[in-house]
Amino acid sequence: MSIRHGLLALLERGPRYGSQLRTEFESRTGSTWPLNVGQVYTTLARLERDGMVGQDGEDEAGHALYTITDKGRDELRSWFEKPVDRTSPARDELAIKLAMAVGAPGVDIRDVIQSQRRHTVKAMQDYTRLKAQALTALESGGARERDDVAWLLVLEQLIFQTEAEARWLDHCESRLIRLSATSTTTAAPPGPSASPGPSAPPASSATSATSASPA
C-alpha cells in the first residue's frame, strides 16, 4: 500500500494537516488500511525531504498545514499512469502458511485449509453487507458521495479477492486429494498375475496358510 501517494492525492485537493489527512485517508478507504498519526507525520517528513510537499503556515487552531509541490504533482501523475508492478508480488501470509504446512509434523493441512475457508467466507459475507450499505449511501446522494464511491470500489476489490481466495483454497484441497491418491496408487504393490503358475496354491489354501502363520 502506497501511503505516500495516497497522502499526495489528498494534498492535491488543498492544504491539510496530519490528523486531517489521516481521517480523510481512512474515510476514502473505509478504514480498510488504518493509519496512525505517527505514520502520517513520518511519511510527510519524508515527502518534505524529497521536495514533494512543503509546510504552508498554520490553520486557526495552530495545526501545521502541508501542501503538495510541483514535484509532488509529477510523482502523483506518474503513479496514476503506471500499472501496479506485479513482478515482485507482495508476500501473502496464507500462501506461505500452506507452503510451510505441507509435510509439517503434526499438521493436517486440510484442517488448515478448512479453517481458513470458513474465515474467508465470513469475510466475504461481511464485505458484501458493507457493499450494500455503500450502495444505499450512494443512492441517497449524501454529501460524501466521493468517499462513498471510493469505499465501494475498495469493497468490491475485497469481495473479488476473497472470492478468488475461496476458489484457490478449494483448488488446494482438490490438488492434495489427487496427489494423495496418486501417491497411494504408486506405492501399492503389484497384484497377483492373471495367470498364476502351476506352483501357486489355490486361493483357499493361501488364505488358510496366512491364517495359520504366526503373528
C-alpha atoms as a PDB file:
ATOM      1  CA  MET A   1       0.000   0.000   0.000  1.00  0.00           C
ATOM      2  CA  SER A   2       1.440   3.382  -1.011  1.00  0.00           C
ATOM      3  CA  ILE A   3       0.693   5.716   1.869  1.00  0.00           C
ATOM      4  CA  ARG A   4       2.876   8.435   0.391  1.00  0.00           C
ATOM      5  CA  HIS A   5       0.921   8.535  -2.861  1.00  0.00           C
ATOM      6  CA  GLY A   6      -2.377   8.447  -1.000  1.00  0.00           C
ATOM      7  CA  LEU A   7      -1.325  11.487   1.025  1.00  0.00           C
ATOM      8  CA  LEU A   8      -0.154  13.281  -2.113  1.00  0.00           C
ATOM      9  CA  ALA A   9      -3.545  12.648  -3.724  1.00  0.00           C
ATOM     10  CA  LEU A  10      -5.317  14.158  -0.716  1.00  0.00           C
ATOM     11  CA  LEU A  11      -2.962  17.151  -0.595  1.00  0.00           C
ATOM     12  CA  GLU A  12      -3.658  17.873  -4.260  1.00  0.00           C
ATOM     13  CA  ARG A  13      -7.161  18.873  -3.137  1.00  0.00           C
ATOM     14  CA  GLY A  14      -5.706  21.572  -0.884  1.00  0.00           C
ATOM     15  CA  PRO A  15      -3.624  22.148   2.265  1.00  0.00           C
ATOM     16  CA  ARG A  16      -4.139  19.615   5.050  1.00  0.00           C
ATOM     17  CA  TYR A  17      -2.655  18.913   8.473  1.00  0.00           C
ATOM     18  CA  GLY A  18      -1.575  15.486   9.699  1.00  0.00           C
ATOM     19  CA  SER A  19      -4.601  14.198  11.599  1.00  0.00           C
ATOM     20  CA  GLN A  20      -6.874  15.620   8.898  1.00  0.00           C
ATOM     21  CA  LEU A  21      -5.001  13.595   6.287  1.00  0.00           C
ATOM     22  CA  ARG A  22      -5.339  10.504   8.430  1.00  0.00           C
ATOM     23  CA  THR A  23      -9.109  10.990   8.796  1.00  0.00           C
ATOM     24  CA  GLU A  24      -9.622  11.594   5.076  1.00  0.00           C
ATOM     25  CA  PHE A  25      -7.431   8.653   4.068  1.00  0.00           C
ATOM     26  CA  GLU A  26      -9.423   6.282   6.283  1.00  0.00           C
ATOM     27  CA  SER A  27     -12.721   7.769   5.125  1.00  0.00           C
ATOM     28  CA  ARG A  28     -11.749   7.250   1.483  1.00  0.00           C
ATOM     29  CA  THR A  29     -10.741   3.623   2.066  1.00  0.00           C
ATOM     30  CA  GLY A  30     -13.375   2.772   4.655  1.00  0.00           C
ATOM     31  CA  SER A  31     -10.675   2.210   7.314  1.00  0.00           C
ATOM     32  CA  THR A  32      -9.589  -0.900   5.444  1.00  0.00           C
ATOM     33  CA  TRP A  33      -5.976   0.193   5.927  1.00  0.00           C
ATOM     34  CA  PRO A  34      -6.000   2.180   9.183  1.00  0.00           C
ATOM     35  CA  LEU A  35      -3.202   4.673   9.763  1.00  0.00           C
ATOM     36  CA  ASN A  36      -1.875   6.166  12.944  1.00  0.00           C
ATOM     37  CA  VAL A  37      -0.850   9.791  13.178  1.00  0.00           C
ATOM     38  CA  GLY A  38       2.786   8.767  13.591  1.00  0.00           C
ATOM     39  CA  GLN A  39       2.747   7.057  10.173  1.00  0.00           C
ATOM     40  CA  VAL A  40       1.239  10.134   8.601  1.00  0.00           C
ATOM     41  CA  TYR A  41       3.792  12.558  10.018  1.00  0.00           C
ATOM     42  CA  THR A  42       6.698  10.209   9.276  1.00  0.00           C
ATOM     43  CA  THR A  43       5.547   9.971   5.660  1.00  0.00           C
ATOM     44  CA  LEU A  44       5.033  13.736   5.434  1.00  0.00           C
ATOM     45  CA  ALA A  45       8.573  14.290   6.740  1.00  0.00           C
ATOM     46  CA  ARG A  46       9.965  12.016   4.004  1.00  0.00           C
ATOM     47  CA  LEU A  47       7.874  13.705   1.337  1.00  0.00           C
ATOM     48  CA  GLU A  48       9.099  17.085   2.549  1.00  0.00           C
ATOM     49  CA  ARG A  49      12.698  15.833   2.491  1.00  0.00           C
ATOM     50  CA  ASP A  50      12.170  14.663  -1.110  1.00  0.00           C
ATOM     51  CA  GLY A  51      10.711  18.026  -2.113  1.00  0.00           C
ATOM     52  CA  MET A  52       7.212  16.689  -2.804  1.00  0.00           C
ATOM     53  CA  VAL A  53       5.406  18.596  -0.051  1.00  0.00           C
ATOM     54  CA  GLY A  54       6.083  21.727   1.914  1.00  0.00           C
ATOM     55  CA  GLN A  55       4.717  23.419   5.003  1.00  0.00           C
ATOM     56  CA  ASP A  56       2.461  26.393   4.412  1.00  0.00           C
ATOM     57  CA  GLY A  57       1.736  28.084   7.712  1.00  0.00           C
ATOM     58  CA  GLU A  58      -0.914  27.033  10.199  1.00  0.00           C
ATOM     59  CA  ASP A  59      -4.674  26.956  10.411  1.00  0.00           C
ATOM     60  CA  GLU A  60      -6.685  28.863  13.010  1.00  0.00           C
ATOM     61  CA  ALA A  61      -6.216  26.068  15.530  1.00  0.00           C
ATOM     62  CA  GLY A  62      -2.429  26.104  15.145  1.00  0.00           C
ATOM     63  CA  HIS A  63      -2.120  22.928  13.053  1.00  0.00           C
ATOM     64  CA  ALA A  64       0.849  22.927  10.656  1.00  0.00           C
ATOM     65  CA  LEU A  65      -0.514  22.782   7.098  1.00  0.00           C
ATOM     66  CA  TYR A  66       1.147  20.818   4.302  1.00  0.00           C
ATOM     67  CA  THR A  67       0.820  21.491   0.578  1.00  0.00           C
ATOM     68  CA  ILE A  68       1.861  19.493  -2.479  1.00  0.00           C
ATOM     69  CA  THR A  69       4.678  20.848  -4.677  1.00  0.00           C
ATOM     70  CA  ASP A  70       5.101  20.629  -8.445  1.00  0.00           C
ATOM     71  CA  LYS A  71       7.483  17.726  -7.917  1.00  0.00           C
ATOM     72  CA  GLY A  72       4.844  16.024  -5.791  1.00  0.00           C
ATOM     73  CA  ARG A  73       2.241  16.520  -8.536  1.00  0.00           C
ATOM     74  CA  ASP A  74       4.604  14.988 -11.097  1.00  0.00           C
ATOM     75  CA  GLU A  75       5.145  11.994  -8.802  1.00  0.00           C
ATOM     76  CA  LEU A  76       1.389  11.619  -8.311  1.00  0.00           C
ATOM     77  CA  ARG A  77       0.681  11.775 -12.054  1.00  0.00           C
ATOM     78  CA  SER A  78       3.353   9.150 -12.673  1.00  0.00           C
ATOM     79  CA  TRP A  79       1.812   6.896 -10.011  1.00  0.00           C
ATOM     80  CA  PHE A  80      -1.658   7.170 -11.542  1.00  0.00           C
ATOM     81  CA  GLU A  81      -0.349   6.454 -15.045  1.00  0.00           C
ATOM     82  CA  LYS A  82       1.864   3.446 -14.290  1.00  0.00           C
ATOM     83  CA  PRO A  83       0.378  -0.016 -13.727  1.00  0.00           C
ATOM     84  CA  VAL A  84       0.979  -1.597 -10.328  1.00  0.00           C
ATOM     85  CA  ASP A  85       4.100  -3.748 -10.643  1.00  0.00           C
ATOM     86  CA  ARG A  86       3.405  -7.475 -10.273  1.00  0.00           C
ATOM     87  CA  THR A  87       6.931  -8.725 -10.994  1.00  0.00           C
ATOM     88  CA  SER A  88       7.619  -8.752  -7.243  1.00  0.00           C
ATOM     89  CA  PRO A  89       4.264  -9.723  -5.695  1.00  0.00           C
ATOM     90  CA  ALA A  90       3.637  -8.876  -2.080  1.00  0.00           C
ATOM     91  CA  ARG A  91       4.228 -11.714   0.375  1.00  0.00           C
ATOM     92  CA  ASP A  92       0.947 -13.472   1.062  1.00  0.00           C
ATOM     93  CA  GLU A  93       0.785 -14.925   4.570  1.00  0.00           C
ATOM     94  CA  LEU A  94      -1.784 -17.568   3.621  1.00  0.00           C
ATOM     95  CA  ALA A  95       0.282 -18.865   0.693  1.00  0.00           C
ATOM     96  CA  ILE A  96       3.373 -19.015   2.928  1.00  0.00           C
ATOM     97  CA  LYS A  97       1.396 -20.789   5.676  1.00  0.00           C
ATOM     98  CA  LEU A  98       0.104 -23.508   3.327  1.00  0.00           C
ATOM     99  CA  ALA A  99       3.527 -23.939   1.736  1.00  0.00           C
ATOM    100  CA  MET A 100       5.079 -24.474   5.170  1.00  0.00           C
ATOM    101  CA  ALA A 101       2.228 -26.733   6.317  1.00  0.00           C
ATOM    102  CA  VAL A 102       2.957 -29.247   3.551  1.00  0.00           C
ATOM    103  CA  GLY A 103       4.703 -32.132   5.275  1.00  0.00           C
ATOM    104  CA  ALA A 104       4.993 -30.307   8.608  1.00  0.00           C
ATOM    105  CA  PRO A 105       4.969 -32.814  11.527  1.00  0.00           C
ATOM    106  CA  GLY A 106       1.679 -32.927  13.400  1.00  0.00           C
ATOM    107  CA  VAL A 107      -0.081 -30.546  10.983  1.00  0.00           C
ATOM    108  CA  ASP A 108      -3.113 -31.625   8.957  1.00  0.00           C
ATOM    109  CA  ILE A 109      -3.038 -29.230   6.027  1.00  0.00           C
ATOM    110  CA  ARG A 110      -6.672 -29.987   5.195  1.00  0.00           C
ATOM    111  CA  ASP A 111      -7.672 -28.697   8.642  1.00  0.00           C
ATOM    112  CA  VAL A 112      -5.670 -25.541   7.953  1.00  0.00           C
ATOM    113  CA  ILE A 113      -7.459 -25.099   4.613  1.00  0.00           C
ATOM    114  CA  GLN A 114     -10.919 -25.696   6.041  1.00  0.00           C
ATOM    115  CA  SER A 115     -10.343 -23.299   8.930  1.00  0.00           C
ATOM    116  CA  GLN A 116      -9.176 -20.601   6.539  1.00  0.00           C
ATOM    117  CA  ARG A 117     -12.097 -21.232   4.181  1.00  0.00           C
ATOM    118  CA  ARG A 118     -14.605 -20.611   6.972  1.00  0.00           C
ATOM    119  CA  HIS A 119     -12.866 -17.343   7.836  1.00  0.00           C
ATOM    120  CA  THR A 120     -12.666 -16.292   4.174  1.00  0.00           C
ATOM    121  CA  VAL A 121     -16.355 -16.985   3.524  1.00  0.00           C
ATOM    122  CA  LYS A 122     -17.341 -14.981   6.611  1.00  0.00           C
ATOM    123  CA  ALA A 123     -15.170 -12.071   5.476  1.00  0.00           C
ATOM    124  CA  MET A 124     -16.776 -12.209   2.038  1.00  0.00           C
ATOM    125  CA  GLN A 125     -20.239 -12.069   3.626  1.00  0.00           C
ATOM    126  CA  ASP A 126     -19.195  -9.084   5.752  1.00  0.00           C
ATOM    127  CA  TYR A 127     -17.801  -7.240   2.728  1.00  0.00           C
ATOM    128  CA  THR A 128     -20.989  -7.944   0.769  1.00  0.00           C
ATOM    129  CA  ARG A 129     -23.081  -6.496   3.606  1.00  0.00           C
ATOM    130  CA  LEU A 130     -20.892  -3.376   3.700  1.00  0.00           C
ATOM    131  CA  LYS A 131     -21.202  -3.068  -0.081  1.00  0.00           C
ATOM    132  CA  ALA A 132     -24.981  -2.972   0.259  1.00  0.00           C
ATOM    133  CA  GLN A 133     -24.626  -0.156   2.791  1.00  0.00           C
ATOM    134  CA  ALA A 134     -22.279   1.766   0.491  1.00  0.00           C
ATOM    135  CA  LEU A 135     -24.733   1.443  -2.407  1.00  0.00           C
ATOM    136  CA  THR A 136     -27.532   2.716  -0.168  1.00  0.00           C
ATOM    137  CA  ALA A 137     -25.408   5.725   0.796  1.00  0.00           C
ATOM    138  CA  LEU A 138     -24.711   6.470  -2.871  1.00  0.00           C
ATOM    139  CA  GLU A 139     -28.367   6.216  -3.827  1.00  0.00           C
ATOM    140  CA  SER A 140     -29.242   8.671  -1.054  1.00  0.00           C
ATOM    141  CA  GLY A 141     -26.972  11.273  -2.680  1.00  0.00           C
ATOM    142  CA  GLY A 142     -25.189  12.239   0.543  1.00  0.00           C
ATOM    143  CA  ALA A 143     -22.596  14.997   0.772  1.00  0.00           C
ATOM    144  CA  ARG A 144     -19.751  12.474   0.992  1.00  0.00           C
ATOM    145  CA  GLU A 145     -20.522  10.839  -2.334  1.00  0.00           C
ATOM    146  CA  ARG A 146     -16.875  10.882  -3.465  1.00  0.00           C
ATOM    147  CA  ASP A 147     -15.788   8.925  -0.394  1.00  0.00           C
ATOM    148  CA  ASP A 148     -18.701   6.520  -0.813  1.00  0.00           C
ATOM    149  CA  VAL A 149     -17.678   5.769  -4.412  1.00  0.00           C
ATOM    150  CA  ALA A 150     -14.069   5.202  -3.333  1.00  0.00           C
ATOM    151  CA  TRP A 151     -15.168   2.910  -0.489  1.00  0.00           C
ATOM    152  CA  LEU A 152     -17.430   0.966  -2.844  1.00  0.00           C
ATOM    153  CA  LEU A 153     -14.528   0.313  -5.224  1.00  0.00           C
ATOM    154  CA  VAL A 154     -12.332  -0.853  -2.348  1.00  0.00           C
ATOM    155  CA  LEU A 155     -15.097  -3.142  -1.062  1.00  0.00           C
ATOM    156  CA  GLU A 156     -15.642  -4.703  -4.468  1.00  0.00           C
ATOM    157  CA  GLN A 157     -11.917  -5.388  -4.761  1.00  0.00           C
ATOM    158  CA  LEU A 158     -12.011  -7.087  -1.355  1.00  0.00           C
ATOM    159  CA  ILE A 159     -15.017  -9.166  -2.412  1.00  0.00           C
ATOM    160  CA  PHE A 160     -13.298 -10.305  -5.614  1.00  0.00           C
ATOM    161  CA  GLN A 161     -10.150 -11.052  -3.614  1.00  0.00           C
ATOM    162  CA  THR A 162     -11.947 -13.204  -1.046  1.00  0.00           C
ATOM    163  CA  GLU A 163     -13.897 -14.999  -3.791  1.00  0.00           C
ATOM    164  CA  ALA A 164     -10.610 -15.820  -5.526  1.00  0.00           C
ATOM    165  CA  GLU A 165      -9.092 -16.942  -2.233  1.00  0.00           C
ATOM    166  CA  ALA A 166     -12.017 -19.287  -1.568  1.00  0.00           C
ATOM    167  CA  ARG A 167     -11.649 -20.794  -5.061  1.00  0.00           C
ATOM    168  CA  TRP A 168      -7.902 -21.184  -4.533  1.00  0.00           C
ATOM    169  CA  LEU A 169      -8.467 -22.973  -1.220  1.00  0.00           C
ATOM    170  CA  ASP A 170     -10.896 -25.365  -2.948  1.00  0.00           C
ATOM    171  CA  HIS A 171      -8.256 -25.967  -5.609  1.00  0.00           C
ATOM    172  CA  CYS A 172      -5.570 -26.629  -2.965  1.00  0.00           C
ATOM    173  CA  GLU A 173      -7.739 -29.204  -1.247  1.00  0.00           C
ATOM    174  CA  SER A 174      -8.566 -30.933  -4.559  1.00  0.00           C
ATOM    175  CA  ARG A 175      -4.911 -30.905  -5.533  1.00  0.00           C
ATOM    176  CA  LEU A 176      -3.882 -32.526  -2.253  1.00  0.00           C
ATOM    177  CA  ILE A 177      -6.552 -35.206  -2.633  1.00  0.00           C
ATOM    178  CA  ARG A 178      -5.359 -36.019  -6.164  1.00  0.00           C
ATOM    179  CA  LEU A 179      -1.715 -36.106  -5.111  1.00  0.00           C
ATOM    180  CA  SER A 180      -2.566 -38.318  -2.146  1.00  0.00           C
ATOM    181  CA  ALA A 181      -4.448 -40.741  -4.401  1.00  0.00           C
ATOM    182  CA  THR A 182      -1.566 -40.790  -6.880  1.00  0.00           C
ATOM    183  CA  SER A 183       0.957 -41.481  -4.135  1.00  0.00           C
ATOM    184  CA  THR A 184      -1.177 -44.339  -2.769  1.00  0.00           C
ATOM    185  CA  THR A 185      -1.510 -45.905  -6.225  1.00  0.00           C
ATOM    186  CA  THR A 186       2.211 -45.603  -6.894  1.00  0.00           C
ATOM    187  CA  ALA A 187       3.154 -47.105  -3.542  1.00  0.00           C
ATOM    188  CA  ALA A 188       0.696 -50.048  -3.785  1.00  0.00           C
ATOM    189  CA  PRO A 189       2.391 -53.450  -4.504  1.00  0.00           C
ATOM    190  CA  PRO A 190       1.502 -55.119  -7.811  1.00  0.00           C
ATOM    191  CA  GLY A 191      -1.432 -57.518  -7.711  1.00  0.00           C
ATOM    192  CA  PRO A 192      -1.196 -61.260  -8.459  1.00  0.00           C
ATOM    193  CA  SER A 193      -0.661 -62.350 -12.042  1.00  0.00           C
ATOM    194  CA  ALA A 194      -3.800 -63.049 -14.031  1.00  0.00           C
ATOM    195  CA  SER A 195      -2.439 -66.475 -14.967  1.00  0.00           C
ATOM    196  CA  PRO A 196      -0.755 -67.933 -11.870  1.00  0.00           C
ATOM    197  CA  GLY A 197       1.831 -70.615 -12.493  1.00  0.00           C
ATOM    198  CA  PRO A 198       1.221 -74.219 -11.580  1.00  0.00           C
ATOM    199  CA  SER A 199       3.077 -73.831  -8.296  1.00  0.00           C
ATOM    200  CA  ALA A 200       0.674 -71.170  -6.970  1.00  0.00           C
ATOM    201  CA  PRO A 201      -1.646 -72.635  -4.313  1.00  0.00           C
ATOM    202  CA  PRO A 202      -5.417 -72.260  -4.614  1.00  0.00           C
ATOM    203  CA  ALA A 203      -6.894 -69.150  -3.038  1.00  0.00           C
ATOM    204  CA  SER A 204      -8.464 -71.146  -0.211  1.00  0.00           C
ATOM    205  CA  SER A 205      -5.163 -72.797   0.631  1.00  0.00           C
ATOM    206  CA  ALA A 206      -3.325 -69.452   0.591  1.00  0.00           C
ATOM    207  CA  THR A 207      -5.897 -67.999   2.956  1.00  0.00           C
ATOM    208  CA  SER A 208      -5.569 -70.943   5.330  1.00  0.00           C
ATOM    209  CA  ALA A 209      -1.809 -70.674   5.275  1.00  0.00           C
ATOM    210  CA  THR A 210      -1.946 -66.970   6.064  1.00  0.00           C
ATOM    211  CA  SER A 211      -4.298 -67.553   8.956  1.00  0.00           C
ATOM    212  CA  ALA A 212      -2.087 -70.257  10.361  1.00  0.00           C
ATOM    213  CA  SER A 213       1.133 -68.287  10.190  1.00  0.00           C
ATOM    214  CA  PRO A 214       2.324 -66.727  13.479  1.00  0.00           C
ATOM    215  CA  ALA A 215       1.938 -63.044  14.053  1.00  0.00           C
END
